[in-house]
Every structure is written in structure tokens, then in C-alpha cells.
């Protein structure tokens, strides 16, 4: 029914996506966070972590830089910055 697989499927944790992230990454300002967890829920890679106000971060090893977390944040506490920015 199906032809042979060319590549074998692999585990997400073993295949870090950070090496091919677009040129943007999320920066959590940690000022206006209300811990609504919208960023956690919307992240397609599940790389946003945190439990309390002003305590959320992304695991940049797996973040693709899609920006959904910044778009969904009701307090605009997440901004997308250029990958080479220090901040």
C-alpha cells in the first residue's frame, strides 16, 4: 500500500529545532504577565514553560520562532526579537 520510508521517524526531543529557527525568537519581558498560560497552550512545539507570573520561558533548543506566543499574549508581555540580539 505504501512505499518504503525514506527517513525514519524520530523523537522530537532528539531532533532539536533551534538550529533551523527563523531569524526571530520570543523574549519574555516578565513585567505584565498574568500567568494566563495562553503561550503554553498555543505553542506547537510545547517548549514554553512556567507556572507563576513573570516566570515563563521558551526552550530555544526546540522553539521554531513562529511567534504565536507573542500574538496570543493578552498583555503583550512577549515580543519577538532578532536571533542575534542579546536581550
N, C-alpha and C. Protein backbone atom coordinates (compact mmCIF):
# COMPACT_ATOMS: atom_id res chain seq x y z
N UNK A 1 0.82 -1.19 0.00
CA UNK A 1 0.00 0.00 0.00
C UNK A 1 0.86 1.25 0.00
N UNK A 2 1.80 1.32 0.93
CA UNK A 2 2.69 2.47 1.00
C UNK A 2 4.07 2.06 0.57
N UNK A 3 4.78 2.98 -0.07
CA UNK A 3 6.15 2.70 -0.46
C UNK A 3 7.07 2.73 0.76
N UNK A 4 8.32 2.37 0.59
CA UNK A 4 9.25 2.37 1.71
C UNK A 4 9.51 3.80 2.20
N UNK A 5 9.72 3.90 3.50
CA UNK A 5 10.04 5.21 4.07
C UNK A 5 11.46 5.59 3.71
N UNK A 6 11.65 6.83 3.36
CA UNK A 6 12.99 7.31 3.02
C UNK A 6 13.76 7.65 4.29
N UNK A 7 13.06 8.25 5.24
CA UNK A 7 13.69 8.55 6.53
C UNK A 7 12.87 7.92 7.63
N UNK A 8 13.51 7.59 8.68
CA UNK A 8 12.81 7.01 9.81
C UNK A 8 12.28 8.13 10.71
N UNK A 9 11.08 7.96 11.26
CA UNK A 9 10.59 8.95 12.20
C UNK A 9 11.48 8.94 13.44
N UNK A 10 11.56 10.09 14.07
CA UNK A 10 12.40 10.17 15.26
C UNK A 10 11.69 10.92 16.36
N UNK A 11 12.25 10.91 17.52
CA UNK A 11 11.65 11.56 18.66
C UNK A 11 11.92 13.06 18.62
N UNK A 12 10.95 13.83 18.96
CA UNK A 12 11.06 15.28 18.96
C UNK A 12 12.20 15.77 19.86
N UNK A 13 12.35 15.19 21.02
CA UNK A 13 13.39 15.64 21.95
C UNK A 13 14.78 15.40 21.39
N UNK A 14 14.93 14.43 20.51
CA UNK A 14 16.23 14.16 19.94
C UNK A 14 16.55 15.04 18.74
N UNK A 15 15.55 15.63 18.15
CA UNK A 15 15.73 16.47 16.97
C UNK A 15 15.44 17.91 17.33
N UNK A 16 16.43 18.59 17.81
CA UNK A 16 16.26 19.98 18.23
C UNK A 16 15.93 20.85 17.03
N UNK A 17 14.98 21.74 17.21
CA UNK A 17 14.56 22.60 16.10
C UNK A 17 15.26 23.95 16.13
N UNK A 18 15.99 24.24 17.17
CA UNK A 18 16.63 25.54 17.30
C UNK A 18 17.61 25.84 16.19
N UNK A 19 18.22 24.85 15.60
CA UNK A 19 19.20 25.09 14.56
C UNK A 19 18.57 25.60 13.26
N UNK A 20 17.27 25.43 13.09
CA UNK A 20 16.64 25.94 11.88
C UNK A 20 15.51 26.91 12.18
N UNK A 21 15.52 27.51 13.36
CA UNK A 21 14.53 28.52 13.72
C UNK A 21 14.66 29.70 12.76
N UNK A 22 13.53 30.31 12.44
CA UNK A 22 13.60 31.52 11.63
C UNK A 22 14.38 32.56 12.41
N UNK A 23 14.67 33.68 11.84
CA UNK A 23 15.56 34.66 12.45
C UNK A 23 14.95 35.42 13.62
N UNK A 24 13.85 34.95 14.17
CA UNK A 24 13.23 35.58 15.33
C UNK A 24 13.07 34.59 16.46
N UNK A 25 13.10 35.11 17.68
CA UNK A 25 12.85 34.29 18.85
C UNK A 25 12.06 35.10 19.86
N UNK A 26 11.27 34.45 20.71
CA UNK A 26 10.48 35.18 21.69
C UNK A 26 11.34 35.66 22.86
N UNK A 27 11.01 36.85 23.33
CA UNK A 27 11.63 37.38 24.54
C UNK A 27 10.50 37.68 25.51
N UNK A 28 10.57 37.12 26.69
CA UNK A 28 9.55 37.32 27.71
C UNK A 28 9.97 38.53 28.54
N UNK A 29 9.16 39.58 28.50
CA UNK A 29 9.51 40.81 29.19
C UNK A 29 9.40 40.68 30.70
N UNK A 30 8.58 39.77 31.18
CA UNK A 30 8.44 39.48 32.61
C UNK A 30 7.98 40.70 33.40
N UNK A 31 7.11 41.52 32.82
CA UNK A 31 6.62 42.71 33.51
C UNK A 31 5.11 42.68 33.74
N UNK A 32 4.37 42.28 32.73
CA UNK A 32 2.91 42.34 32.79
C UNK A 32 2.23 40.99 32.78
N UNK A 33 3.00 39.93 32.93
CA UNK A 33 2.46 38.56 32.86
C UNK A 33 1.38 38.35 33.92
N UNK A 34 0.28 37.73 33.51
CA UNK A 34 -0.80 37.40 34.44
C UNK A 34 -0.96 35.89 34.59
N UNK A 35 0.01 35.14 34.08
CA UNK A 35 0.02 33.68 34.16
C UNK A 35 -1.25 33.05 33.59
N UNK A 36 -1.71 33.57 32.46
CA UNK A 36 -2.91 33.03 31.81
C UNK A 36 -2.63 31.71 31.09
N UNK A 37 -1.36 31.44 30.82
CA UNK A 37 -0.89 30.21 30.16
C UNK A 37 -1.32 30.09 28.70
N UNK A 38 -1.72 31.19 28.10
CA UNK A 38 -2.09 31.15 26.68
C UNK A 38 -0.87 30.79 25.83
N UNK A 39 0.29 31.29 26.20
CA UNK A 39 1.51 30.98 25.44
C UNK A 39 1.84 29.49 25.52
N UNK A 40 1.60 28.90 26.67
CA UNK A 40 1.84 27.46 26.85
C UNK A 40 0.88 26.67 25.97
N UNK A 41 -0.38 27.07 25.95
CA UNK A 41 -1.40 26.34 25.19
C UNK A 41 -1.22 26.45 23.68
N UNK A 42 -0.76 27.60 23.20
CA UNK A 42 -0.69 27.84 21.75
C UNK A 42 0.61 27.32 21.11
N UNK A 43 1.64 27.10 21.91
CA UNK A 43 2.94 26.71 21.35
C UNK A 43 2.85 25.34 20.67
N UNK A 44 3.12 25.28 19.35
CA UNK A 44 3.01 23.99 18.64
C UNK A 44 4.10 23.01 19.03
N UNK A 45 5.20 23.48 19.59
CA UNK A 45 6.29 22.60 19.98
C UNK A 45 6.27 22.25 21.45
N UNK A 46 5.42 22.91 22.23
CA UNK A 46 5.35 22.63 23.66
C UNK A 46 6.61 23.03 24.40
N UNK A 47 7.27 24.07 23.94
CA UNK A 47 8.55 24.44 24.55
C UNK A 47 8.44 25.61 25.53
N UNK A 48 7.24 26.12 25.78
CA UNK A 48 7.06 27.20 26.76
C UNK A 48 6.83 26.57 28.12
N UNK A 49 7.58 27.07 29.10
CA UNK A 49 7.48 26.52 30.45
C UNK A 49 7.29 27.64 31.46
N UNK A 50 6.62 27.36 32.54
CA UNK A 50 6.42 28.31 33.62
C UNK A 50 5.13 28.02 34.34
N UNK A 51 5.05 28.47 35.58
CA UNK A 51 3.85 28.22 36.36
C UNK A 51 3.35 29.46 37.09
N UNK A 52 4.22 30.43 37.31
CA UNK A 52 3.85 31.62 38.06
C UNK A 52 3.99 32.86 37.20
N UNK A 53 3.42 33.95 37.67
CA UNK A 53 3.57 35.22 36.97
C UNK A 53 5.05 35.54 36.76
N UNK A 54 5.34 36.14 35.62
CA UNK A 54 6.69 36.60 35.30
C UNK A 54 7.75 35.51 35.42
N UNK A 55 7.37 34.29 35.11
CA UNK A 55 8.28 33.16 35.25
C UNK A 55 8.25 32.25 34.02
N UNK A 56 7.78 32.73 32.88
CA UNK A 56 7.66 31.90 31.69
C UNK A 56 8.88 32.06 30.79
N UNK A 57 9.31 30.96 30.18
CA UNK A 57 10.45 30.96 29.27
C UNK A 57 10.17 29.97 28.15
N UNK A 58 10.92 30.11 27.06
CA UNK A 58 10.88 29.13 25.98
C UNK A 58 12.19 28.38 25.95
N UNK A 59 12.11 27.11 25.64
CA UNK A 59 13.32 26.32 25.44
C UNK A 59 13.76 26.55 24.00
N UNK A 60 14.81 27.34 23.83
CA UNK A 60 15.25 27.73 22.49
C UNK A 60 15.83 26.57 21.70
N UNK A 61 16.09 25.44 22.34
CA UNK A 61 16.52 24.26 21.60
C UNK A 61 15.41 23.71 20.72
N UNK A 62 14.16 24.00 21.08
CA UNK A 62 13.02 23.44 20.35
C UNK A 62 12.11 24.51 19.74
N UNK A 63 12.30 25.77 20.11
CA UNK A 63 11.46 26.86 19.60
C UNK A 63 11.73 27.09 18.11
N UNK A 64 10.67 27.18 17.33
CA UNK A 64 10.80 27.43 15.89
C UNK A 64 10.73 28.91 15.55
N UNK A 65 10.35 29.74 16.52
CA UNK A 65 10.26 31.17 16.27
C UNK A 65 9.02 31.58 15.52
N UNK A 66 7.95 30.81 15.66
CA UNK A 66 6.72 31.08 14.90
C UNK A 66 6.02 32.36 15.36
N UNK A 67 6.21 32.75 16.62
CA UNK A 67 5.61 33.98 17.12
C UNK A 67 4.19 33.86 17.64
N UNK A 68 3.66 32.67 17.66
CA UNK A 68 2.29 32.50 18.14
C UNK A 68 2.15 32.91 19.61
N UNK A 69 3.17 32.64 20.40
CA UNK A 69 3.11 33.01 21.82
C UNK A 69 2.99 34.53 21.98
N UNK A 70 3.73 35.27 21.18
CA UNK A 70 3.68 36.74 21.25
C UNK A 70 2.33 37.26 20.76
N UNK A 71 1.77 36.63 19.75
CA UNK A 71 0.49 37.09 19.21
C UNK A 71 -0.66 36.84 20.16
N UNK A 72 -0.61 35.76 20.92
CA UNK A 72 -1.73 35.38 21.77
C UNK A 72 -1.65 36.03 23.16
N UNK A 73 -0.53 36.58 23.54
CA UNK A 73 -0.36 37.15 24.88
C UNK A 73 -1.27 38.37 25.06
N UNK A 74 -2.22 38.31 26.00
CA UNK A 74 -3.17 39.41 26.18
C UNK A 74 -2.54 40.66 26.78
N UNK A 75 -1.38 40.55 27.37
CA UNK A 75 -0.70 41.68 27.99
C UNK A 75 0.50 42.18 27.19
N UNK A 76 0.71 41.63 26.01
CA UNK A 76 1.85 41.99 25.14
C UNK A 76 3.16 41.90 25.92
N UNK A 77 3.29 40.87 26.72
CA UNK A 77 4.49 40.68 27.54
C UNK A 77 5.54 39.82 26.85
N UNK A 78 5.24 39.39 25.63
CA UNK A 78 6.19 38.61 24.84
C UNK A 78 6.40 39.36 23.53
N UNK A 79 7.65 39.58 23.19
CA UNK A 79 7.98 40.23 21.93
C UNK A 79 8.92 39.33 21.15
N UNK A 80 8.91 39.46 19.85
CA UNK A 80 9.81 38.69 19.01
C UNK A 80 11.01 39.57 18.69
N UNK A 81 12.21 39.04 18.93
CA UNK A 81 13.44 39.79 18.66
C UNK A 81 14.27 39.01 17.66
N UNK A 82 15.22 39.70 17.04
CA UNK A 82 16.09 39.04 16.08
C UNK A 82 16.97 38.03 16.80
N UNK A 83 17.26 36.95 16.13
CA UNK A 83 18.01 35.85 16.71
C UNK A 83 19.36 36.28 17.28
N UNK A 84 20.05 37.17 16.63
CA UNK A 84 21.39 37.55 17.08
C UNK A 84 21.37 38.65 18.14
N UNK A 85 20.19 39.14 18.52
CA UNK A 85 20.09 40.16 19.56
C UNK A 85 20.43 39.58 20.92
N UNK A 86 21.04 40.36 21.72
CA UNK A 86 21.34 39.96 23.10
C UNK A 86 20.33 40.64 24.00
N UNK A 87 19.44 39.87 24.60
CA UNK A 87 18.48 40.52 25.45
C UNK A 87 17.43 39.64 25.99
